[in-house]
N, C-alpha and C. Protein backbone atom coordinates (compact mmCIF):
# COMPACT_ATOMS: atom_id res chain seq x y z
N UNK A 1 -1.35 10.11 3.71
CA UNK A 1 -1.78 8.88 4.33
C UNK A 1 -0.99 8.69 5.63
N UNK A 2 -1.67 8.29 6.65
CA UNK A 2 -1.00 8.05 7.93
C UNK A 2 -0.11 6.82 7.82
N UNK A 3 0.74 6.62 8.83
CA UNK A 3 1.62 5.46 8.79
C UNK A 3 0.83 4.15 8.78
N UNK A 4 -0.32 4.15 9.43
CA UNK A 4 -1.16 2.95 9.42
C UNK A 4 -1.93 2.81 8.12
N UNK A 5 -2.06 3.90 7.38
CA UNK A 5 -2.80 3.86 6.12
C UNK A 5 -2.12 3.03 5.07
N UNK A 6 -0.83 2.74 5.24
CA UNK A 6 -0.10 1.93 4.28
C UNK A 6 -0.21 0.43 4.56
N UNK A 7 -0.80 0.06 5.70
CA UNK A 7 -0.98 -1.36 5.99
C UNK A 7 -1.89 -1.95 4.93
N UNK A 8 -1.44 -3.05 4.33
CA UNK A 8 -2.24 -3.62 3.24
C UNK A 8 -2.15 -5.14 3.24
N UNK A 9 -3.07 -5.72 2.50
CA UNK A 9 -3.10 -7.17 2.30
C UNK A 9 -3.19 -7.44 0.81
N UNK A 10 -2.54 -8.50 0.38
CA UNK A 10 -2.67 -8.93 -1.00
C UNK A 10 -3.80 -9.95 -1.02
N UNK A 11 -4.79 -9.67 -1.84
CA UNK A 11 -5.99 -10.51 -1.91
C UNK A 11 -6.03 -11.21 -3.26
N UNK A 12 -6.32 -12.50 -3.24
CA UNK A 12 -6.39 -13.30 -4.46
C UNK A 12 -7.80 -13.86 -4.56
N UNK A 13 -8.40 -13.70 -5.73
CA UNK A 13 -9.75 -14.22 -5.93
C UNK A 13 -9.84 -14.81 -7.33
N UNK A 14 -10.70 -15.75 -7.49
CA UNK A 14 -10.91 -16.38 -8.79
C UNK A 14 -12.39 -16.47 -9.09
N UNK A 15 -12.69 -16.54 -10.37
CA UNK A 15 -14.09 -16.67 -10.77
C UNK A 15 -14.19 -17.40 -12.09
N UNK A 16 -15.28 -18.12 -12.26
CA UNK A 16 -15.53 -18.83 -13.51
C UNK A 16 -15.94 -17.82 -14.58
N UNK A 17 -15.55 -18.10 -15.82
CA UNK A 17 -15.89 -17.25 -16.95
C UNK A 17 -16.60 -18.06 -18.02
N UNK A 18 -17.37 -17.39 -18.83
CA UNK A 18 -17.94 -18.01 -20.02
C UNK A 18 -16.86 -17.98 -21.10
N UNK A 19 -16.62 -19.10 -21.75
CA UNK A 19 -15.59 -19.15 -22.78
C UNK A 19 -15.98 -18.27 -23.97
N UNK A 20 -15.01 -17.51 -24.44
CA UNK A 20 -15.24 -16.63 -25.58
C UNK A 20 -13.90 -16.29 -26.22
N UNK A 21 -13.77 -16.55 -27.50
CA UNK A 21 -12.56 -16.21 -28.23
C UNK A 21 -12.85 -15.10 -29.21
N UNK A 22 -11.90 -14.20 -29.34
CA UNK A 22 -12.06 -13.06 -30.25
C UNK A 22 -10.70 -12.69 -30.81
N UNK A 23 -10.67 -12.37 -32.09
CA UNK A 23 -9.41 -11.99 -32.73
C UNK A 23 -9.19 -10.50 -32.58
N UNK A 24 -7.98 -10.11 -32.17
CA UNK A 24 -7.57 -8.70 -32.05
C UNK A 24 -6.63 -8.39 -33.23
N UNK A 25 -7.15 -7.73 -34.27
CA UNK A 25 -6.32 -7.47 -35.45
C UNK A 25 -5.18 -6.49 -35.18
N UNK A 26 -5.33 -5.60 -34.21
CA UNK A 26 -4.26 -4.63 -33.92
C UNK A 26 -3.03 -5.32 -33.37
N UNK A 27 -3.22 -6.24 -32.43
CA UNK A 27 -2.09 -6.98 -31.83
C UNK A 27 -1.86 -8.32 -32.52
N UNK A 28 -2.70 -8.67 -33.50
CA UNK A 28 -2.60 -9.93 -34.24
C UNK A 28 -2.55 -11.13 -33.29
N UNK A 29 -3.55 -11.19 -32.38
CA UNK A 29 -3.62 -12.31 -31.45
C UNK A 29 -5.07 -12.62 -31.10
N UNK A 30 -5.27 -13.83 -30.63
CA UNK A 30 -6.59 -14.25 -30.21
C UNK A 30 -6.73 -13.96 -28.72
N UNK A 31 -7.80 -13.27 -28.34
CA UNK A 31 -8.08 -12.98 -26.94
C UNK A 31 -9.01 -14.06 -26.40
N UNK A 32 -8.84 -14.39 -25.13
CA UNK A 32 -9.67 -15.40 -24.49
C UNK A 32 -8.96 -16.72 -24.28
N UNK A 33 -7.66 -16.75 -24.61
CA UNK A 33 -6.86 -17.95 -24.36
C UNK A 33 -6.18 -17.82 -23.00
N UNK A 34 -5.78 -18.95 -22.44
CA UNK A 34 -5.08 -18.95 -21.17
C UNK A 34 -3.84 -18.07 -21.27
N UNK A 35 -3.69 -17.14 -20.31
CA UNK A 35 -2.60 -16.15 -20.39
C UNK A 35 -2.12 -15.80 -18.99
N UNK A 36 -0.88 -16.16 -18.69
CA UNK A 36 -0.26 -15.83 -17.40
C UNK A 36 0.76 -14.71 -17.54
N UNK A 37 0.60 -13.86 -18.54
CA UNK A 37 1.52 -12.75 -18.73
C UNK A 37 2.92 -13.23 -19.01
N UNK A 38 3.90 -12.72 -18.25
CA UNK A 38 5.29 -13.09 -18.48
C UNK A 38 5.57 -14.57 -18.19
N UNK A 39 4.65 -15.24 -17.50
CA UNK A 39 4.84 -16.64 -17.16
C UNK A 39 4.37 -17.58 -18.27
N UNK A 40 3.75 -17.04 -19.31
CA UNK A 40 3.39 -17.87 -20.45
C UNK A 40 1.94 -17.78 -20.87
N UNK A 41 1.73 -18.22 -22.09
CA UNK A 41 0.41 -18.22 -22.72
C UNK A 41 0.25 -19.56 -23.42
N UNK A 42 -0.96 -20.10 -23.40
CA UNK A 42 -1.20 -21.38 -24.08
C UNK A 42 -2.27 -21.19 -25.14
N UNK A 43 -2.60 -22.27 -25.82
CA UNK A 43 -3.67 -22.24 -26.83
C UNK A 43 -4.98 -22.77 -26.28
N UNK A 44 -5.05 -22.94 -24.96
CA UNK A 44 -6.27 -23.43 -24.32
C UNK A 44 -7.25 -22.28 -24.11
N UNK A 45 -8.52 -22.54 -24.32
CA UNK A 45 -9.56 -21.53 -24.13
C UNK A 45 -9.77 -21.29 -22.63
N UNK A 46 -9.66 -20.04 -22.19
CA UNK A 46 -9.78 -19.70 -20.76
C UNK A 46 -11.23 -19.78 -20.30
N UNK A 47 -11.42 -20.33 -19.12
CA UNK A 47 -12.75 -20.38 -18.52
C UNK A 47 -12.72 -19.96 -17.04
N UNK A 48 -11.64 -19.29 -16.67
CA UNK A 48 -11.45 -18.90 -15.27
C UNK A 48 -10.59 -17.64 -15.24
N UNK A 49 -10.82 -16.79 -14.27
CA UNK A 49 -10.00 -15.58 -14.09
C UNK A 49 -9.44 -15.58 -12.68
N UNK A 50 -8.18 -15.21 -12.58
CA UNK A 50 -7.50 -15.07 -11.29
C UNK A 50 -7.16 -13.59 -11.14
N UNK A 51 -7.61 -12.97 -10.07
CA UNK A 51 -7.41 -11.54 -9.85
C UNK A 51 -6.58 -11.33 -8.59
N UNK A 52 -5.56 -10.46 -8.69
CA UNK A 52 -4.72 -10.12 -7.55
C UNK A 52 -4.97 -8.65 -7.22
N UNK A 53 -5.33 -8.36 -5.97
CA UNK A 53 -5.60 -6.99 -5.54
C UNK A 53 -4.81 -6.67 -4.28
N UNK A 54 -4.62 -5.38 -4.05
CA UNK A 54 -4.02 -4.89 -2.82
C UNK A 54 -5.11 -4.08 -2.12
N UNK A 55 -5.37 -4.40 -0.85
CA UNK A 55 -6.41 -3.71 -0.08
C UNK A 55 -5.83 -3.12 1.19
N UNK A 56 -6.33 -1.95 1.53
CA UNK A 56 -5.93 -1.34 2.79
C UNK A 56 -6.56 -2.08 3.95
N UNK A 57 -5.79 -2.25 5.01
CA UNK A 57 -6.34 -2.90 6.21
C UNK A 57 -7.01 -1.87 7.10
N UNK A 58 -6.38 -0.71 7.24
CA UNK A 58 -6.94 0.36 8.07
C UNK A 58 -7.82 1.28 7.22
N UNK A 59 -7.28 1.72 6.09
CA UNK A 59 -8.02 2.62 5.21
C UNK A 59 -8.92 1.85 4.25
N UNK A 60 -9.91 2.54 3.71
CA UNK A 60 -10.83 1.91 2.77
C UNK A 60 -10.35 2.17 1.35
N UNK A 61 -9.33 1.44 0.93
CA UNK A 61 -8.83 1.56 -0.43
C UNK A 61 -8.48 0.18 -0.96
N UNK A 62 -8.54 0.05 -2.26
CA UNK A 62 -8.13 -1.19 -2.90
C UNK A 62 -7.69 -0.86 -4.33
N UNK A 63 -6.73 -1.62 -4.82
CA UNK A 63 -6.18 -1.41 -6.15
C UNK A 63 -5.94 -2.76 -6.82
N UNK A 64 -6.40 -2.91 -8.04
CA UNK A 64 -6.07 -4.14 -8.76
C UNK A 64 -4.58 -4.15 -9.09
N UNK A 65 -3.97 -5.29 -8.97
CA UNK A 65 -2.55 -5.42 -9.25
C UNK A 65 -2.32 -6.22 -10.54
N UNK A 66 -3.10 -7.28 -10.73
CA UNK A 66 -2.95 -8.10 -11.93
C UNK A 66 -4.16 -9.00 -12.09
N UNK A 67 -4.35 -9.48 -13.31
CA UNK A 67 -5.34 -10.53 -13.53
C UNK A 67 -4.81 -11.47 -14.60
N UNK A 68 -5.25 -12.70 -14.53
CA UNK A 68 -4.81 -13.73 -15.45
C UNK A 68 -6.02 -14.52 -15.91
N UNK A 69 -6.05 -14.87 -17.19
CA UNK A 69 -7.09 -15.75 -17.72
C UNK A 69 -6.51 -17.15 -17.75
N UNK A 70 -7.25 -18.11 -17.21
CA UNK A 70 -6.72 -19.47 -17.08
C UNK A 70 -7.73 -20.50 -17.57
N UNK A 71 -7.23 -21.68 -17.84
CA UNK A 71 -8.09 -22.78 -18.27
C UNK A 71 -8.86 -23.36 -17.09
N UNK A 72 -8.30 -23.30 -15.93
CA UNK A 72 -8.91 -23.85 -14.72
C UNK A 72 -8.27 -23.16 -13.53
N UNK A 73 -8.74 -23.41 -12.31
CA UNK A 73 -8.07 -22.80 -11.17
C UNK A 73 -6.56 -23.06 -11.21
N UNK A 74 -5.78 -22.07 -10.83
CA UNK A 74 -4.32 -22.10 -10.95
C UNK A 74 -3.71 -23.12 -9.99
N UNK A 75 -2.76 -23.87 -10.50
CA UNK A 75 -2.06 -24.86 -9.68
C UNK A 75 -1.19 -24.17 -8.63
N UNK A 76 -0.99 -24.83 -7.50
CA UNK A 76 -0.29 -24.24 -6.36
C UNK A 76 1.10 -23.73 -6.70
N UNK A 77 1.87 -24.49 -7.48
CA UNK A 77 3.24 -24.08 -7.78
C UNK A 77 3.27 -22.78 -8.58
N UNK A 78 2.35 -22.63 -9.53
CA UNK A 78 2.28 -21.40 -10.32
C UNK A 78 1.72 -20.26 -9.48
N UNK A 79 0.76 -20.56 -8.63
CA UNK A 79 0.19 -19.55 -7.74
C UNK A 79 1.25 -19.00 -6.79
N UNK A 80 2.14 -19.84 -6.33
CA UNK A 80 3.23 -19.39 -5.45
C UNK A 80 4.09 -18.36 -6.17
N UNK A 81 4.44 -18.60 -7.42
CA UNK A 81 5.24 -17.65 -8.20
C UNK A 81 4.49 -16.34 -8.38
N UNK A 82 3.20 -16.42 -8.66
CA UNK A 82 2.38 -15.21 -8.85
C UNK A 82 2.33 -14.39 -7.57
N UNK A 83 2.14 -15.05 -6.43
CA UNK A 83 2.08 -14.34 -5.14
C UNK A 83 3.43 -13.71 -4.82
N UNK A 84 4.52 -14.43 -5.04
CA UNK A 84 5.85 -13.87 -4.79
C UNK A 84 6.09 -12.64 -5.66
N UNK A 85 5.69 -12.71 -6.93
CA UNK A 85 5.83 -11.55 -7.82
C UNK A 85 4.98 -10.38 -7.34
N UNK A 86 3.76 -10.67 -6.86
CA UNK A 86 2.87 -9.61 -6.37
C UNK A 86 3.48 -8.91 -5.16
N UNK A 87 4.05 -9.67 -4.23
CA UNK A 87 4.68 -9.07 -3.05
C UNK A 87 5.85 -8.19 -3.48
N UNK A 88 6.67 -8.65 -4.42
CA UNK A 88 7.79 -7.84 -4.91
C UNK A 88 7.29 -6.54 -5.53
N UNK A 89 6.24 -6.61 -6.32
CA UNK A 89 5.70 -5.41 -6.97
C UNK A 89 5.16 -4.41 -5.95
N UNK A 90 4.46 -4.90 -4.94
CA UNK A 90 3.92 -4.01 -3.90
C UNK A 90 5.05 -3.33 -3.16
N UNK A 91 6.11 -4.07 -2.86
CA UNK A 91 7.23 -3.49 -2.13
C UNK A 91 7.98 -2.45 -2.96
N UNK A 92 7.85 -2.48 -4.28
CA UNK A 92 8.50 -1.51 -5.16
C UNK A 92 7.69 -0.21 -5.32
N UNK A 93 6.49 -0.17 -4.78
CA UNK A 93 5.59 0.96 -5.01
C UNK A 93 6.00 2.26 -4.33
N UNK A 94 6.86 2.22 -3.37
CA UNK A 94 7.25 3.46 -2.70
C UNK A 94 7.53 3.20 -1.24
N UNK A 95 6.96 4.05 -0.36
CA UNK A 95 7.17 3.81 1.08
C UNK A 95 6.78 2.37 1.39
N UNK A 96 7.66 1.68 2.06
CA UNK A 96 7.46 0.26 2.26
C UNK A 96 6.21 -0.03 3.07
N UNK A 97 5.17 -0.57 2.41
CA UNK A 97 3.97 -0.93 3.15
C UNK A 97 4.21 -2.25 3.89
N UNK A 98 3.46 -2.48 4.93
CA UNK A 98 3.55 -3.74 5.62
C UNK A 98 2.54 -4.67 4.96
N UNK A 99 3.04 -5.74 4.39
CA UNK A 99 2.20 -6.66 3.65
C UNK A 99 1.86 -7.84 4.54
N UNK A 100 0.57 -8.14 4.63
CA UNK A 100 0.10 -9.30 5.39
C UNK A 100 -0.53 -10.25 4.40
N UNK A 101 -0.02 -11.47 4.34
CA UNK A 101 -0.53 -12.44 3.38
C UNK A 101 -1.36 -13.47 4.12
């Protein structure tokens, strides 16, 4: 990849979901509840998805970084933590890409 090929942007998108709960016997947990990964899980039924992706600015590439199931669109304070974590993860990937937010 050229030096410009590492230029990337962190992209955040959300979408409404149809509510659906399902039991996972292998992990002994209910799927479809609000789940922010290491930031916490609730007993609320998720109806929204938040997706974090990294996209090339010069090159035509994109990679999913994380997704979260939420009860509603994510509040700004929690979104700030998620974005900060995403930037840290991208910077840990190897040659330091230039991140434009």
